[in-house]
Amino acid sequence: MTHEDLVAESCVRALVARYCHAIASRDHDAWADTFASDAEWTVLGRTARGREDVLALYLQLVSGCRWAVQRATDGLIEVNGDTATGRWIITEYIQLASGASLMNLGTYQDDYRRCEGGRWRFARRVFAPIYVGPTDLSARPARL
């Protein structure tokens, strides 16, 4: 791995961290800024294209939540010049407006791109749920 690849990998890891921190702080503008202007986001069977539509879908999904905290771990990143791919395992804790709590476990498959100003952003992000349900893990998994 070259020095440039290591720097790019570090930038991608920081991108994923910014994404998670923006969720926890409910900073919707910072969250949207992690996506390229022409990005694609697929989550829970829905796909949005373009940063504005990605943000609109996200706002719909979090509208019934008091708060959420997402952690991304075990990131595997492969850099190829100004693009990269990655896979992440996520754990997300959510409190709904009703007060009920949920746990969301899943994986992200990502494509990244170095954008204007050298900043790395998501070009494509696809979420595949493993489990969505009570925090005691009593619901059936979405997949095995």
N, C-alpha and C. Protein backbone atom coordinates (compact mmCIF):
# COMPACT_ATOMS: atom_id res chain seq x y z
N MET A 1 0.85 -1.17 0.00
CA MET A 1 0.00 0.00 0.00
C MET A 1 0.91 1.24 0.00
N THR A 2 0.59 2.18 -0.88
CA THR A 2 1.40 3.38 -0.98
C THR A 2 1.02 4.38 0.12
N HIS A 3 1.89 5.38 0.29
CA HIS A 3 1.59 6.45 1.24
C HIS A 3 0.28 7.14 0.86
N GLU A 4 0.07 7.40 -0.43
CA GLU A 4 -1.15 8.05 -0.90
C GLU A 4 -2.38 7.20 -0.58
N ASP A 5 -2.26 5.88 -0.72
CA ASP A 5 -3.38 4.99 -0.38
C ASP A 5 -3.69 5.04 1.10
N LEU A 6 -2.67 5.09 1.94
CA LEU A 6 -2.88 5.18 3.39
C LEU A 6 -3.56 6.49 3.76
N VAL A 7 -3.15 7.58 3.12
CA VAL A 7 -3.79 8.87 3.38
C VAL A 7 -5.26 8.81 2.94
N ALA A 8 -5.52 8.24 1.76
CA ALA A 8 -6.89 8.13 1.27
C ALA A 8 -7.73 7.27 2.20
N GLU A 9 -7.17 6.15 2.68
CA GLU A 9 -7.91 5.29 3.60
C GLU A 9 -8.25 6.04 4.88
N SER A 10 -7.31 6.81 5.39
CA SER A 10 -7.57 7.61 6.59
C SER A 10 -8.69 8.63 6.34
N CYS A 11 -8.71 9.23 5.16
CA CYS A 11 -9.75 10.18 4.81
C CYS A 11 -11.12 9.51 4.72
N VAL A 12 -11.17 8.29 4.19
CA VAL A 12 -12.43 7.55 4.11
C VAL A 12 -12.92 7.19 5.51
N ARG A 13 -12.02 6.76 6.37
CA ARG A 13 -12.42 6.45 7.75
C ARG A 13 -12.98 7.70 8.44
N ALA A 14 -12.36 8.85 8.19
CA ALA A 14 -12.87 10.10 8.77
C ALA A 14 -14.23 10.44 8.19
N LEU A 15 -14.46 10.15 6.92
CA LEU A 15 -15.77 10.37 6.29
C LEU A 15 -16.85 9.56 7.00
N VAL A 16 -16.59 8.30 7.23
CA VAL A 16 -17.57 7.44 7.91
C VAL A 16 -17.80 7.93 9.34
N ALA A 17 -16.76 8.39 10.01
CA ALA A 17 -16.92 8.95 11.36
C ALA A 17 -17.77 10.21 11.32
N ARG A 18 -17.54 11.10 10.32
CA ARG A 18 -18.36 12.32 10.21
C ARG A 18 -19.83 11.96 10.00
N TYR A 19 -20.09 10.95 9.20
CA TYR A 19 -21.45 10.46 8.95
C TYR A 19 -22.12 10.06 10.27
N CYS A 20 -21.43 9.23 11.05
CA CYS A 20 -21.98 8.75 12.32
C CYS A 20 -22.16 9.89 13.32
N HIS A 21 -21.20 10.77 13.42
CA HIS A 21 -21.30 11.89 14.36
C HIS A 21 -22.44 12.84 13.97
N ALA A 22 -22.65 13.02 12.67
CA ALA A 22 -23.75 13.88 12.22
C ALA A 22 -25.10 13.29 12.59
N ILE A 23 -25.22 11.97 12.55
CA ILE A 23 -26.47 11.32 12.98
C ILE A 23 -26.70 11.59 14.46
N ALA A 24 -25.68 11.36 15.28
CA ALA A 24 -25.83 11.52 16.73
C ALA A 24 -26.13 12.96 17.12
N SER A 25 -25.56 13.92 16.41
CA SER A 25 -25.79 15.32 16.76
C SER A 25 -26.97 15.93 16.00
N ARG A 26 -27.63 15.13 15.19
CA ARG A 26 -28.77 15.58 14.37
C ARG A 26 -28.40 16.80 13.52
N ASP A 27 -27.18 16.77 13.01
CA ASP A 27 -26.70 17.82 12.12
C ASP A 27 -26.95 17.36 10.69
N HIS A 28 -28.14 17.65 10.20
CA HIS A 28 -28.58 17.14 8.91
C HIS A 28 -27.74 17.70 7.76
N ASP A 29 -27.29 18.94 7.86
CA ASP A 29 -26.46 19.51 6.81
C ASP A 29 -25.10 18.82 6.75
N ALA A 30 -24.50 18.56 7.91
CA ALA A 30 -23.22 17.85 7.94
C ALA A 30 -23.38 16.43 7.42
N TRP A 31 -24.51 15.79 7.75
CA TRP A 31 -24.77 14.44 7.25
C TRP A 31 -24.86 14.45 5.73
N ALA A 32 -25.64 15.37 5.18
CA ALA A 32 -25.80 15.45 3.72
C ALA A 32 -24.48 15.75 3.03
N ASP A 33 -23.61 16.52 3.69
CA ASP A 33 -22.33 16.90 3.10
C ASP A 33 -21.37 15.72 2.98
N THR A 34 -21.69 14.58 3.57
CA THR A 34 -20.83 13.40 3.40
C THR A 34 -21.06 12.73 2.05
N PHE A 35 -22.11 13.16 1.33
CA PHE A 35 -22.44 12.56 0.02
C PHE A 35 -22.00 13.46 -1.12
N ALA A 36 -21.53 12.85 -2.20
CA ALA A 36 -21.24 13.59 -3.43
C ALA A 36 -22.55 14.16 -3.97
N SER A 37 -22.46 15.18 -4.76
CA SER A 37 -23.67 15.84 -5.27
C SER A 37 -24.54 14.91 -6.09
N ASP A 38 -23.95 13.91 -6.73
CA ASP A 38 -24.70 12.95 -7.55
C ASP A 38 -24.78 11.57 -6.91
N ALA A 39 -24.63 11.50 -5.61
CA ALA A 39 -24.56 10.23 -4.89
C ALA A 39 -25.88 9.46 -4.95
N GLU A 40 -25.76 8.18 -4.64
CA GLU A 40 -26.91 7.29 -4.54
C GLU A 40 -26.88 6.63 -3.16
N TRP A 41 -28.04 6.60 -2.50
CA TRP A 41 -28.15 5.98 -1.17
C TRP A 41 -29.33 5.02 -1.19
N THR A 42 -29.07 3.78 -0.83
CA THR A 42 -30.11 2.76 -0.76
C THR A 42 -30.20 2.29 0.69
N VAL A 43 -31.41 2.39 1.24
CA VAL A 43 -31.65 2.00 2.63
C VAL A 43 -33.08 1.49 2.75
N LEU A 44 -33.24 0.34 3.40
CA LEU A 44 -34.55 -0.24 3.68
C LEU A 44 -35.42 -0.33 2.42
N GLY A 45 -34.81 -0.75 1.33
CA GLY A 45 -35.54 -0.97 0.08
C GLY A 45 -35.84 0.28 -0.72
N ARG A 46 -35.33 1.41 -0.31
CA ARG A 46 -35.58 2.68 -1.03
C ARG A 46 -34.25 3.25 -1.50
N THR A 47 -34.26 3.84 -2.68
CA THR A 47 -33.05 4.44 -3.24
C THR A 47 -33.30 5.90 -3.57
N ALA A 48 -32.38 6.74 -3.17
CA ALA A 48 -32.42 8.17 -3.50
C ALA A 48 -31.16 8.50 -4.29
N ARG A 49 -31.32 9.39 -5.26
CA ARG A 49 -30.19 9.80 -6.10
C ARG A 49 -30.04 11.32 -6.06
N GLY A 50 -28.82 11.76 -5.85
CA GLY A 50 -28.54 13.19 -5.73
C GLY A 50 -28.62 13.60 -4.28
N ARG A 51 -27.73 14.48 -3.86
CA ARG A 51 -27.63 14.87 -2.45
C ARG A 51 -28.95 15.37 -1.88
N GLU A 52 -29.68 16.17 -2.64
CA GLU A 52 -30.95 16.71 -2.12
C GLU A 52 -31.97 15.61 -1.87
N ASP A 53 -32.09 14.64 -2.79
CA ASP A 53 -33.03 13.54 -2.60
C ASP A 53 -32.57 12.59 -1.49
N VAL A 54 -31.25 12.41 -1.39
CA VAL A 54 -30.70 11.59 -0.30
C VAL A 54 -31.08 12.21 1.04
N LEU A 55 -30.91 13.53 1.17
CA LEU A 55 -31.26 14.21 2.42
C LEU A 55 -32.76 14.12 2.68
N ALA A 56 -33.57 14.29 1.66
CA ALA A 56 -35.03 14.21 1.84
C ALA A 56 -35.43 12.82 2.36
N LEU A 57 -34.86 11.76 1.82
CA LEU A 57 -35.16 10.41 2.30
C LEU A 57 -34.70 10.25 3.74
N TYR A 58 -33.52 10.72 4.06
CA TYR A 58 -33.00 10.63 5.42
C TYR A 58 -33.93 11.35 6.40
N LEU A 59 -34.37 12.55 6.04
CA LEU A 59 -35.25 13.32 6.92
C LEU A 59 -36.57 12.59 7.14
N GLN A 60 -37.08 11.90 6.13
CA GLN A 60 -38.29 11.08 6.30
C GLN A 60 -38.02 9.97 7.30
N LEU A 61 -36.88 9.30 7.17
CA LEU A 61 -36.58 8.16 8.03
C LEU A 61 -36.38 8.56 9.49
N VAL A 62 -35.81 9.74 9.74
CA VAL A 62 -35.55 10.14 11.12
C VAL A 62 -36.65 11.00 11.71
N SER A 63 -37.69 11.29 10.94
CA SER A 63 -38.74 12.20 11.42
C SER A 63 -39.45 11.66 12.65
N GLY A 64 -39.54 10.36 12.81
CA GLY A 64 -40.21 9.79 13.97
C GLY A 64 -39.27 9.42 15.10
N CYS A 65 -38.04 9.93 15.05
CA CYS A 65 -37.03 9.58 16.06
C CYS A 65 -36.72 10.77 16.94
N ARG A 66 -36.61 10.49 18.25
CA ARG A 66 -36.10 11.52 19.16
C ARG A 66 -34.61 11.67 18.99
N TRP A 67 -33.93 10.53 18.89
CA TRP A 67 -32.49 10.54 18.71
C TRP A 67 -32.04 9.19 18.18
N ALA A 68 -30.85 9.19 17.63
CA ALA A 68 -30.22 7.96 17.15
C ALA A 68 -28.71 8.11 17.27
N VAL A 69 -28.05 7.02 17.56
CA VAL A 69 -26.59 6.97 17.60
C VAL A 69 -26.17 5.75 16.79
N GLN A 70 -25.31 6.00 15.80
CA GLN A 70 -24.84 4.91 14.95
C GLN A 70 -23.33 4.77 15.12
N ARG A 71 -22.88 3.52 15.23
CA ARG A 71 -21.45 3.22 15.30
C ARG A 71 -21.09 2.34 14.12
N ALA A 72 -20.06 2.71 13.40
CA ALA A 72 -19.56 1.90 12.29
C ALA A 72 -18.24 1.27 12.73
N THR A 73 -18.14 -0.03 12.55
CA THR A 73 -16.93 -0.74 12.99
C THR A 73 -16.45 -1.68 11.89
N ASP A 74 -15.26 -2.17 12.07
CA ASP A 74 -14.69 -3.19 11.20
C ASP A 74 -14.67 -2.79 9.74
N GLY A 75 -14.36 -1.53 9.47
CA GLY A 75 -14.32 -1.06 8.09
C GLY A 75 -13.21 -1.69 7.28
N LEU A 76 -13.57 -2.20 6.11
CA LEU A 76 -12.61 -2.73 5.15
C LEU A 76 -12.64 -1.81 3.94
N ILE A 77 -11.50 -1.22 3.61
CA ILE A 77 -11.43 -0.21 2.57
C ILE A 77 -10.38 -0.60 1.54
N GLU A 78 -10.74 -0.46 0.27
CA GLU A 78 -9.79 -0.68 -0.83
C GLU A 78 -9.73 0.59 -1.66
N VAL A 79 -8.55 1.18 -1.74
CA VAL A 79 -8.36 2.44 -2.46
C VAL A 79 -7.84 2.15 -3.86
N ASN A 80 -8.38 2.91 -4.82
CA ASN A 80 -7.93 2.82 -6.20
C ASN A 80 -7.85 4.24 -6.77
N GLY A 81 -6.77 4.95 -6.44
CA GLY A 81 -6.62 6.32 -6.92
C GLY A 81 -7.61 7.26 -6.26
N ASP A 82 -8.47 7.88 -7.08
CA ASP A 82 -9.46 8.84 -6.58
C ASP A 82 -10.79 8.19 -6.25
N THR A 83 -10.85 6.87 -6.24
CA THR A 83 -12.05 6.15 -5.83
C THR A 83 -11.65 5.06 -4.83
N ALA A 84 -12.64 4.57 -4.13
CA ALA A 84 -12.40 3.49 -3.17
C ALA A 84 -13.72 2.77 -2.93
N THR A 85 -13.62 1.58 -2.37
CA THR A 85 -14.81 0.84 -1.94
C THR A 85 -14.61 0.47 -0.48
N GLY A 86 -15.72 0.22 0.20
CA GLY A 86 -15.63 -0.15 1.60
C GLY A 86 -16.83 -0.93 2.06
N ARG A 87 -16.64 -1.66 3.15
CA ARG A 87 -17.71 -2.39 3.83
C ARG A 87 -17.60 -2.12 5.31
N TRP A 88 -18.75 -1.90 5.93
CA TRP A 88 -18.81 -1.58 7.36
C TRP A 88 -19.93 -2.35 8.02
N ILE A 89 -19.73 -2.69 9.28
CA ILE A 89 -20.79 -3.24 10.13
C ILE A 89 -21.25 -2.09 11.02
N ILE A 90 -22.57 -1.90 11.11
CA ILE A 90 -23.07 -0.80 11.95
C ILE A 90 -24.00 -1.34 13.03
N THR A 91 -23.96 -0.63 14.15
CA THR A 91 -24.90 -0.80 15.24
C THR A 91 -25.51 0.56 15.49
N GLU A 92 -26.85 0.61 15.54
CA GLU A 92 -27.53 1.87 15.74
C GLU A 92 -28.59 1.70 16.82
N TYR A 93 -28.57 2.62 17.76
CA TYR A 93 -29.60 2.67 18.80
C TYR A 93 -30.50 3.86 18.49
N ILE A 94 -31.80 3.63 18.55
CA ILE A 94 -32.78 4.65 18.17
C ILE A 94 -33.84 4.74 19.25
N GLN A 95 -34.20 5.96 19.62
CA GLN A 95 -35.38 6.16 20.46
C GLN A 95 -36.42 6.86 19.60
N LEU A 96 -37.57 6.22 19.46
CA LEU A 96 -38.66 6.78 18.68
C LEU A 96 -39.36 7.89 19.46
N ALA A 97 -40.14 8.69 18.76
CA ALA A 97 -40.89 9.78 19.40
C ALA A 97 -41.82 9.23 20.48
N SER A 98 -42.27 7.99 20.33
CA SER A 98 -43.16 7.36 21.31
C SER A 98 -42.42 6.97 22.59
N GLY A 99 -41.09 6.99 22.54
CA GLY A 99 -40.29 6.56 23.68
C GLY A 99 -39.77 5.14 23.52
N ALA A 100 -40.32 4.38 22.58
CA ALA A 100 -39.85 3.01 22.33
C ALA A 100 -38.42 3.05 21.80
N SER A 101 -37.67 2.00 22.10
CA SER A 101 -36.29 1.94 21.62
C SER A 101 -36.14 0.82 20.59
N LEU A 102 -35.23 1.05 19.68
CA LEU A 102 -34.93 0.08 18.62
C LEU A 102 -33.43 -0.10 18.50
N MET A 103 -33.05 -1.26 18.03
CA MET A 103 -31.67 -1.50 17.64
C MET A 103 -31.68 -1.86 16.16
N ASN A 104 -30.74 -1.30 15.45
CA ASN A 104 -30.59 -1.54 14.03
C ASN A 104 -29.17 -2.06 13.81
N LEU A 105 -29.05 -3.26 13.29
CA LEU A 105 -27.75 -3.85 12.96
C LEU A 105 -27.73 -4.13 11.48
N GLY A 106 -26.61 -3.86 10.84
CA GLY A 106 -26.55 -4.13 9.41
C GLY A 106 -25.17 -3.86 8.85
N THR A 107 -25.11 -3.88 7.52
CA THR A 107 -23.86 -3.61 6.83
C THR A 107 -24.06 -2.52 5.79
N TYR A 108 -23.01 -1.78 5.55
CA TYR A 108 -22.97 -0.81 4.46
C TYR A 108 -21.95 -1.29 3.44
N GLN A 109 -22.31 -1.24 2.17
CA GLN A 109 -21.41 -1.42 1.04
C GLN A 109 -21.28 -0.04 0.42
N ASP A 110 -20.08 0.47 0.34
CA ASP A 110 -19.86 1.84 -0.09
C ASP A 110 -18.95 1.94 -1.30
N ASP A 111 -19.21 2.98 -2.09
CA ASP A 111 -18.28 3.48 -3.11
C ASP A 111 -17.98 4.91 -2.72
N TYR A 112 -16.70 5.27 -2.72
CA TYR A 112 -16.26 6.61 -2.34
C TYR A 112 -15.58 7.27 -3.53
N ARG A 113 -15.58 8.59 -3.50
CA ARG A 113 -14.92 9.35 -4.55
C ARG A 113 -14.29 10.61 -3.95
N ARG A 114 -13.07 10.90 -4.42
CA ARG A 114 -12.43 12.16 -4.04
C ARG A 114 -13.10 13.25 -4.87
N CYS A 115 -13.69 14.22 -4.20
CA CYS A 115 -14.48 15.26 -4.88
C CYS A 115 -13.71 16.57 -4.90
N GLU A 116 -14.41 17.62 -5.26
CA GLU A 116 -13.81 18.95 -5.34
C GLU A 116 -13.09 19.29 -4.04
N GLY A 117 -11.96 19.93 -4.20
CA GLY A 117 -11.17 20.30 -3.03
C GLY A 117 -10.47 19.12 -2.37
N GLY A 118 -10.50 17.94 -3.01
CA GLY A 118 -9.83 16.76 -2.47
C GLY A 118 -10.58 16.05 -1.36
N ARG A 119 -11.81 16.48 -1.08
CA ARG A 119 -12.59 15.88 0.01
C ARG A 119 -13.26 14.58 -0.45
N TRP A 120 -13.13 13.55 0.37
CA TRP A 120 -13.75 12.26 0.07
C TRP A 120 -15.22 12.28 0.49
N ARG A 121 -16.08 11.70 -0.36
CA ARG A 121 -17.51 11.62 -0.08
C ARG A 121 -18.05 10.28 -0.57
N PHE A 122 -19.23 9.96 -0.09
CA PHE A 122 -19.91 8.76 -0.58
C PHE A 122 -20.41 9.01 -2.00
N ALA A 123 -20.06 8.13 -2.91
CA ALA A 123 -20.63 8.16 -4.26
C ALA A 123 -21.86 7.24 -4.29
N ARG A 124 -21.77 6.18 -3.50
CA ARG A 124 -22.88 5.21 -3.40
C ARG A 124 -22.78 4.55 -2.04
N ARG A 125 -23.92 4.42 -1.37
CA ARG A 125 -23.96 3.77 -0.06
C ARG A 125 -25.21 2.89 -0.02
N VAL A 126 -25.01 1.60 0.25
CA VAL A 126 -26.12 0.64 0.26
C VAL A 126 -26.15 -0.03 1.63
N PHE A 127 -27.29 0.11 2.31
CA PHE A 127 -27.46 -0.50 3.63
C PHE A 127 -28.24 -1.80 3.50
N ALA A 128 -27.73 -2.84 4.14
CA ALA A 128 -28.41 -4.13 4.20
C ALA A 128 -28.65 -4.47 5.67
N PRO A 129 -29.92 -4.49 6.11
CA PRO A 129 -30.19 -4.77 7.52
C PRO A 129 -29.94 -6.23 7.87
N ILE A 130 -29.45 -6.43 9.07
CA ILE A 130 -29.33 -7.77 9.65
C ILE A 130 -30.43 -7.95 10.68
N TYR A 131 -30.67 -6.90 11.46
CA TYR A 131 -31.68 -6.95 12.52
C TYR A 131 -32.21 -5.54 12.75
N VAL A 132 -33.51 -5.41 12.84
CA VAL A 132 -34.15 -4.16 13.27
C VAL A 132 -35.26 -4.55 14.23
N GLY A 133 -35.14 -4.12 15.47
CA GLY A 133 -36.15 -4.49 16.46
C GLY A 133 -35.75 -4.05 17.85
N PRO A 134 -36.42 -4.62 18.86
CA PRO A 134 -36.14 -4.25 20.24
C PRO A 134 -34.67 -4.48 20.60
N THR A 135 -34.19 -3.68 21.53
CA THR A 135 -32.77 -3.77 21.92
C THR A 135 -32.42 -5.08 22.62
N ASP A 136 -33.43 -5.83 23.06
CA ASP A 136 -33.16 -7.11 23.68
C ASP A 136 -32.96 -8.23 22.64
N LEU A 137 -32.98 -7.87 21.36
CA LEU A 137 -32.75 -8.78 20.23
C LEU A 137 -33.83 -9.86 20.13
N SER A 138 -35.05 -9.57 20.58
CA SER A 138 -36.12 -10.57 20.60
C SER A 138 -36.85 -10.71 19.25
N ALA A 139 -36.64 -9.81 18.32
CA ALA A 139 -37.30 -9.91 17.01
C ALA A 139 -36.51 -10.85 16.10
N ARG A 140 -37.17 -11.28 15.04
CA ARG A 140 -36.48 -12.13 14.06
C ARG A 140 -35.50 -11.28 13.26
N PRO A 141 -34.36 -11.85 12.91
CA PRO A 141 -33.39 -11.08 12.11
C PRO A 141 -33.94 -10.84 10.70
N ALA A 142 -33.47 -9.75 10.09
CA ALA A 142 -33.86 -9.45 8.71
C ALA A 142 -33.22 -10.45 7.76
N ARG A 143 -32.05 -10.93 8.11
CA ARG A 143 -31.35 -11.94 7.32
C ARG A 143 -30.37 -12.65 8.23
N LEU A 144 -29.96 -13.80 7.82
CA LEU A 144 -28.97 -14.55 8.60
C LEU A 144 -27.62 -14.52 7.95
